[in-house]
Amino acid sequence: MRLFSTVSFLIGLSLLGLNFYGLTKSLRPEGLNPEVLRFSQNDLTLSKNEFFSDSLRLKSESDYNYATRLTHVIASGMAHVHWERFDPNLYNQMIPVWENFILYLMGQFSGIPEFERYHFTIPEKSMERGVGLCGDASMLLSELLTREKIKNKIVTLPGHVMVEALLDGNEILLDPDFGLVLTHSVATYVNNADLLEAEYNQNGFIGNGEDVVRNGMKTGEVIYWNGAKHFVQKKYYFERVSYILIWLLPLLMCTIPLVICLRRRLKVS
């Protein structure tokens, strides 16, 4: 029992030290140069601090103005790294052990691809890392709009994820991955996918992935989700609980042995 208590205390203390060390670190990886980014020089034009500050709603900013501006902010603040091309540790796709040892262990040993290359649902974590795919950008947009009580849904189609928001009484499709505010709803584009591609082309996206969006829309296999909580429900809650447990578990591992030791001394006395 004494050995168990000692080991428990030391492990708990080490994990607490690891957590405090993580507070001094940033999830924003180095090396996010134009050479590794999908949109090259036009990618990642906002710094981490600018990303956070520009994502805040301005005073008297309308729902429409905020949602459309935020769509551009997310596209400019999130690096478009080719997700499968690099080692998952290089750009913190694998969550570092100092950030969250539970998510790290899940990535190392669970065999679940979603943890090996992780997509954050907590907006602040997603913005801090600043690396993601269309799903990351759309979950971030949806969560921030929901905080401002702007009705929206995450929209998935084969190969892409976007957000449809109710703005000024109209359903508008937003693509925070490309940074595009489209002019119609999903229903319109399902029936006219070429119109969708034309809007991407008009905004300078030619041969840069817009065909995936068009082809996905053409299938008509569109699914609506009531935000990130619905989109990735189990991971949504697991992520939030894990950020509590990384502090609670080490505290318990340190406290329980001390309680046991104190009780023994009281019995002896």
Protein backbone atom coordinates (compact mmCIF):
# COMPACT_ATOMS: atom_id res chain seq x y z
CA MET A 1 0.00 0.00 0.00
CA ARG A 2 2.85 2.35 0.85
CA LEU A 3 4.50 1.67 -2.51
CA PHE A 4 1.22 2.26 -4.32
CA SER A 5 0.70 5.55 -2.49
CA THR A 6 4.21 6.71 -3.28
CA VAL A 7 3.94 5.82 -6.96
CA SER A 8 0.49 7.44 -7.21
CA PHE A 9 1.77 10.63 -5.59
CA LEU A 10 4.83 10.85 -7.85
CA ILE A 11 2.82 10.22 -11.02
CA GLY A 12 0.21 12.78 -9.99
CA LEU A 13 2.89 15.33 -9.20
CA SER A 14 4.59 14.69 -12.54
CA LEU A 15 1.34 15.13 -14.45
CA LEU A 16 0.63 18.38 -12.64
CA GLY A 17 4.10 19.57 -13.56
CA LEU A 18 3.44 18.59 -17.16
CA ASN A 19 0.18 20.56 -17.14
CA PHE A 20 1.83 23.67 -15.73
CA TYR A 21 4.57 23.35 -18.34
CA GLY A 22 1.86 23.19 -20.99
CA LEU A 23 0.49 26.54 -19.80
CA THR A 24 3.78 28.09 -20.93
CA LYS A 25 3.55 26.54 -24.41
CA SER A 26 1.54 27.51 -27.47
CA LEU A 27 -0.31 25.10 -29.72
CA ARG A 28 0.56 27.28 -32.72
CA PRO A 29 3.25 25.27 -34.55
CA GLU A 30 6.29 26.71 -36.24
CA GLY A 31 7.14 26.22 -39.90
CA LEU A 32 3.78 27.26 -41.38
CA ASN A 33 5.44 28.70 -44.47
CA PRO A 34 3.79 29.29 -47.88
CA GLU A 35 5.60 26.21 -49.22
CA VAL A 36 3.51 23.88 -47.03
CA LEU A 37 0.20 25.75 -47.28
CA ARG A 38 -2.55 24.99 -49.79
CA PHE A 39 -3.14 28.62 -50.75
CA SER A 40 0.55 29.56 -50.59
CA GLN A 41 1.10 33.32 -50.04
CA ASN A 42 -2.63 33.92 -49.64
CA ASP A 43 -2.81 31.48 -46.74
CA LEU A 44 -2.55 32.28 -43.02
CA THR A 45 -2.47 36.07 -43.35
CA LEU A 46 -3.47 36.66 -39.71
CA SER A 47 -1.25 36.15 -36.70
CA LYS A 48 -2.55 34.20 -33.70
CA ASN A 49 -3.32 37.42 -31.79
CA GLU A 50 -5.05 38.95 -34.80
CA PHE A 51 -7.07 35.77 -35.26
CA PHE A 52 -8.39 35.99 -31.70
CA SER A 53 -9.09 39.72 -31.75
CA ASP A 54 -10.69 39.78 -35.20
CA SER A 55 -13.03 36.91 -34.28
CA LEU A 56 -14.74 39.07 -31.66
CA ARG A 57 -18.00 40.71 -32.58
CA LEU A 58 -17.83 44.48 -32.93
CA LYS A 59 -20.25 46.77 -31.16
CA SER A 60 -23.46 47.30 -33.12
CA GLU A 61 -22.29 44.78 -35.76
CA SER A 62 -25.29 43.11 -37.40
CA ASP A 63 -25.69 39.36 -37.58
CA TYR A 64 -25.03 39.46 -41.32
CA ASN A 65 -21.92 41.65 -41.08
CA TYR A 66 -20.45 39.62 -38.24
CA ALA A 67 -21.11 36.22 -39.84
CA THR A 68 -19.72 37.25 -43.21
CA ARG A 69 -16.66 38.98 -41.72
CA LEU A 70 -16.01 36.01 -39.45
CA THR A 71 -16.08 33.68 -42.45
CA HIS A 72 -13.17 35.63 -43.96
CA VAL A 73 -11.35 35.87 -40.62
CA ILE A 74 -11.38 32.11 -40.09
CA ALA A 75 -10.11 31.45 -43.62
CA SER A 76 -7.28 33.96 -43.05
CA GLY A 77 -6.41 32.79 -39.54
CA MET A 78 -6.35 29.03 -40.07
CA ALA A 79 -3.48 27.38 -41.94
CA HIS A 80 -4.56 25.09 -44.77
CA VAL A 81 -1.99 22.33 -44.38
CA HIS A 82 -2.33 19.21 -46.52
CA TRP A 83 -3.69 17.09 -43.69
CA GLU A 84 -2.24 13.68 -44.55
CA ARG A 85 1.04 14.79 -46.11
CA PHE A 86 3.06 15.50 -42.96
CA ASP A 87 3.93 13.68 -39.77
CA PRO A 88 1.03 14.33 -37.33
CA ASN A 89 3.45 15.65 -34.69
CA LEU A 90 4.90 18.31 -36.99
CA TYR A 91 1.98 20.73 -36.85
CA ASN A 92 0.38 19.47 -33.63
CA GLN A 93 -2.26 17.42 -35.41
CA MET A 94 -1.38 14.85 -32.77
CA ILE A 95 -2.13 16.71 -29.55
CA PRO A 96 1.14 17.21 -27.63
CA VAL A 97 1.40 15.50 -24.26
CA TRP A 98 2.00 18.85 -22.52
CA GLU A 99 -1.29 20.20 -23.93
CA ASN A 100 -3.59 17.37 -22.89
CA PHE A 101 -2.10 14.03 -21.88
CA ILE A 102 -5.46 12.27 -22.26
CA LEU A 103 -5.90 13.34 -25.89
CA TYR A 104 -2.23 12.52 -26.46
CA LEU A 105 -2.64 8.98 -25.09
CA MET A 106 -5.78 8.51 -27.21
CA GLY A 107 -3.79 9.54 -30.26
CA GLN A 108 -0.94 7.20 -29.45
CA PHE A 109 -2.80 4.08 -28.37
CA SER A 110 -6.50 4.15 -29.27
CA GLY A 111 -5.99 3.42 -32.98
CA ILE A 112 -8.79 5.91 -33.75
CA PRO A 113 -7.73 8.12 -36.68
CA GLU A 114 -9.66 11.11 -35.34
CA PHE A 115 -7.31 11.23 -32.36
CA GLU A 116 -4.16 10.60 -34.38
CA ARG A 117 -4.88 13.79 -36.36
CA TYR A 118 -7.14 15.72 -34.04
CA HIS A 119 -9.86 18.26 -34.88
CA PHE A 120 -10.68 20.62 -32.01
CA THR A 121 -14.25 21.53 -31.13
CA ILE A 122 -13.33 24.11 -28.47
CA PRO A 123 -13.05 27.39 -30.42
CA GLU A 124 -10.15 28.80 -28.40
CA LYS A 125 -8.08 25.65 -28.92
CA SER A 126 -8.85 25.58 -32.63
CA MET A 127 -7.79 29.22 -33.01
CA GLU A 128 -4.68 28.79 -30.90
CA ARG A 129 -3.39 25.92 -33.02
CA GLY A 130 -4.54 27.65 -36.21
CA VAL A 131 -4.30 24.53 -38.36
CA GLY A 132 -7.23 22.63 -39.79
CA LEU A 133 -9.45 21.39 -42.58
CA CYS A 134 -12.88 22.48 -43.75
CA GLY A 135 -14.43 20.63 -40.81
CA ASP A 136 -12.29 22.53 -38.30
CA ALA A 137 -13.13 25.86 -39.92
CA SER A 138 -16.84 25.06 -40.06
CA MET A 139 -17.05 23.84 -36.46
CA LEU A 140 -15.26 26.99 -35.35
CA LEU A 141 -17.58 29.24 -37.36
CA SER A 142 -20.67 27.42 -36.12
CA GLU A 143 -19.60 27.57 -32.48
CA LEU A 144 -18.80 31.29 -32.62
CA LEU A 145 -22.07 32.11 -34.40
CA THR A 146 -24.01 30.06 -31.85
CA ARG A 147 -22.37 32.02 -29.03
CA GLU A 148 -23.84 35.14 -30.62
CA LYS A 149 -27.24 33.46 -30.95
CA ILE A 150 -27.05 33.44 -34.75
CA LYS A 151 -28.96 30.43 -36.06
CA ASN A 152 -26.80 28.13 -38.16
CA LYS A 153 -26.23 24.54 -39.18
CA ILE A 154 -23.14 22.65 -40.23
CA VAL A 155 -23.59 21.22 -43.72
CA THR A 156 -21.69 18.17 -44.93
CA LEU A 157 -21.48 16.85 -48.46
CA PRO A 158 -19.07 14.32 -49.95
CA GLY A 159 -15.61 15.88 -49.62
CA HIS A 160 -16.48 19.15 -47.91
CA VAL A 161 -18.01 20.83 -44.85
CA MET A 162 -19.64 24.28 -44.71
CA VAL A 163 -22.11 26.29 -42.63
CA GLU A 164 -25.54 27.57 -43.55
CA ALA A 165 -26.68 30.53 -41.43
CA LEU A 166 -29.97 32.39 -41.16
CA LEU A 167 -29.03 36.01 -41.86
CA ASP A 168 -31.54 38.82 -42.34
CA GLY A 169 -34.24 36.24 -42.90
CA ASN A 170 -32.32 34.39 -45.63
CA GLU A 171 -30.38 31.14 -45.53
CA ILE A 172 -26.85 31.91 -46.71
CA LEU A 173 -24.13 29.32 -47.32
CA LEU A 174 -20.77 30.19 -45.76
CA ASP A 175 -17.49 28.48 -46.58
CA PRO A 176 -14.93 29.42 -43.90
CA ASP A 177 -12.35 27.07 -45.43
CA PHE A 178 -12.17 29.10 -48.64
CA GLY A 179 -13.37 32.31 -46.99
CA LEU A 180 -16.41 32.64 -49.22
CA VAL A 181 -19.83 34.07 -48.50
CA LEU A 182 -22.03 32.47 -51.14
CA THR A 183 -25.19 34.12 -52.40
CA HIS A 184 -27.72 31.32 -52.02
CA SER A 185 -28.81 28.47 -49.80
CA VAL A 186 -27.75 24.83 -50.09
CA ALA A 187 -31.06 23.94 -51.75
CA THR A 188 -30.29 26.28 -54.65
CA TYR A 189 -26.84 24.83 -55.25
CA VAL A 190 -27.98 21.22 -55.06
CA ASN A 191 -30.10 21.96 -58.13
CA ASN A 192 -27.41 24.06 -59.80
CA ALA A 193 -23.91 22.97 -58.76
CA ASP A 194 -22.36 24.79 -61.73
CA LEU A 195 -23.59 28.07 -60.24
CA LEU A 196 -21.73 27.17 -57.06
CA GLU A 197 -18.49 26.49 -58.93
CA ALA A 198 -18.87 29.76 -60.84
CA GLU A 199 -18.93 31.68 -57.56
CA TYR A 200 -15.71 30.00 -56.43
CA ASN A 201 -14.11 30.80 -59.78
CA GLN A 202 -15.20 34.43 -59.59
CA ASN A 203 -13.43 34.70 -56.26
CA GLY A 204 -10.15 33.40 -57.69
CA PHE A 205 -10.43 29.71 -56.88
CA ILE A 206 -9.70 27.90 -60.11
CA GLY A 207 -8.27 24.40 -59.94
CA ASN A 208 -7.77 24.69 -56.18
CA GLY A 209 -10.34 22.32 -54.76
CA GLU A 210 -13.56 23.99 -55.84
CA ASP A 211 -14.33 21.03 -58.09
CA VAL A 212 -14.56 18.84 -54.96
CA VAL A 213 -17.23 21.16 -53.59
CA ARG A 214 -19.13 21.17 -56.89
CA ASN A 215 -19.00 17.40 -57.29
CA GLY A 216 -20.05 16.87 -53.70
CA MET A 217 -23.00 19.21 -54.11
CA LYS A 218 -24.01 17.49 -57.34
CA THR A 219 -24.56 14.23 -55.50
CA GLY A 220 -27.31 15.82 -53.45
CA GLU A 221 -26.01 13.87 -50.43
CA VAL A 222 -26.28 16.81 -48.07
CA ILE A 223 -26.58 16.35 -44.30
CA TYR A 224 -27.45 19.10 -41.82
CA TRP A 225 -26.08 19.14 -38.27
CA ASN A 226 -27.17 21.34 -35.37
CA GLY A 227 -23.68 22.61 -34.63
CA ALA A 228 -20.49 20.87 -33.56
CA LYS A 229 -22.26 19.32 -30.58
CA HIS A 230 -24.43 17.35 -33.01
CA PHE A 231 -21.76 16.90 -35.69
CA VAL A 232 -19.21 15.13 -33.46
CA GLN A 233 -21.25 14.58 -30.32
CA LYS A 234 -19.11 12.00 -28.48
CA LYS A 235 -15.83 13.77 -29.19
CA TYR A 236 -17.40 17.15 -28.38
CA TYR A 237 -18.09 16.08 -24.79
CA PHE A 238 -15.00 13.89 -24.44
CA GLU A 239 -12.77 16.82 -25.34
CA ARG A 240 -14.31 19.10 -22.74
CA VAL A 241 -14.27 16.43 -20.02
CA SER A 242 -10.64 15.61 -20.82
CA TYR A 243 -9.57 19.20 -20.12
CA ILE A 244 -11.12 18.88 -16.66
CA LEU A 245 -9.68 15.42 -16.00
CA ILE A 246 -6.10 16.36 -16.86
CA TRP A 247 -6.18 18.48 -13.68
CA LEU A 248 -8.59 16.48 -11.55
CA LEU A 249 -6.88 13.08 -11.94
CA PRO A 250 -3.39 14.26 -10.92
CA LEU A 251 -4.85 16.16 -7.97
CA LEU A 252 -6.61 13.00 -6.81
CA MET A 253 -3.45 10.94 -7.32
CA CYS A 254 -1.58 13.37 -5.09
CA THR A 255 -4.32 13.89 -2.52
CA ILE A 256 -5.49 10.31 -1.89
CA PRO A 257 -2.04 9.03 -0.74
CA LEU A 258 -1.74 12.01 1.60
CA VAL A 259 -5.17 11.28 3.06
CA ILE A 260 -4.25 7.61 3.55
CA CYS A 261 -0.99 8.59 5.24
CA LEU A 262 -2.77 11.06 7.52
CA ARG A 263 -5.38 8.48 8.54
CA ARG A 264 -2.64 5.98 9.42
CA ARG A 265 -0.88 8.50 11.62
CA LEU A 266 -4.12 9.34 13.38
CA LYS A 267 -4.76 5.64 14.07
CA VAL A 268 -1.26 5.19 15.46
CA SER A 269 -1.62 8.19 17.73
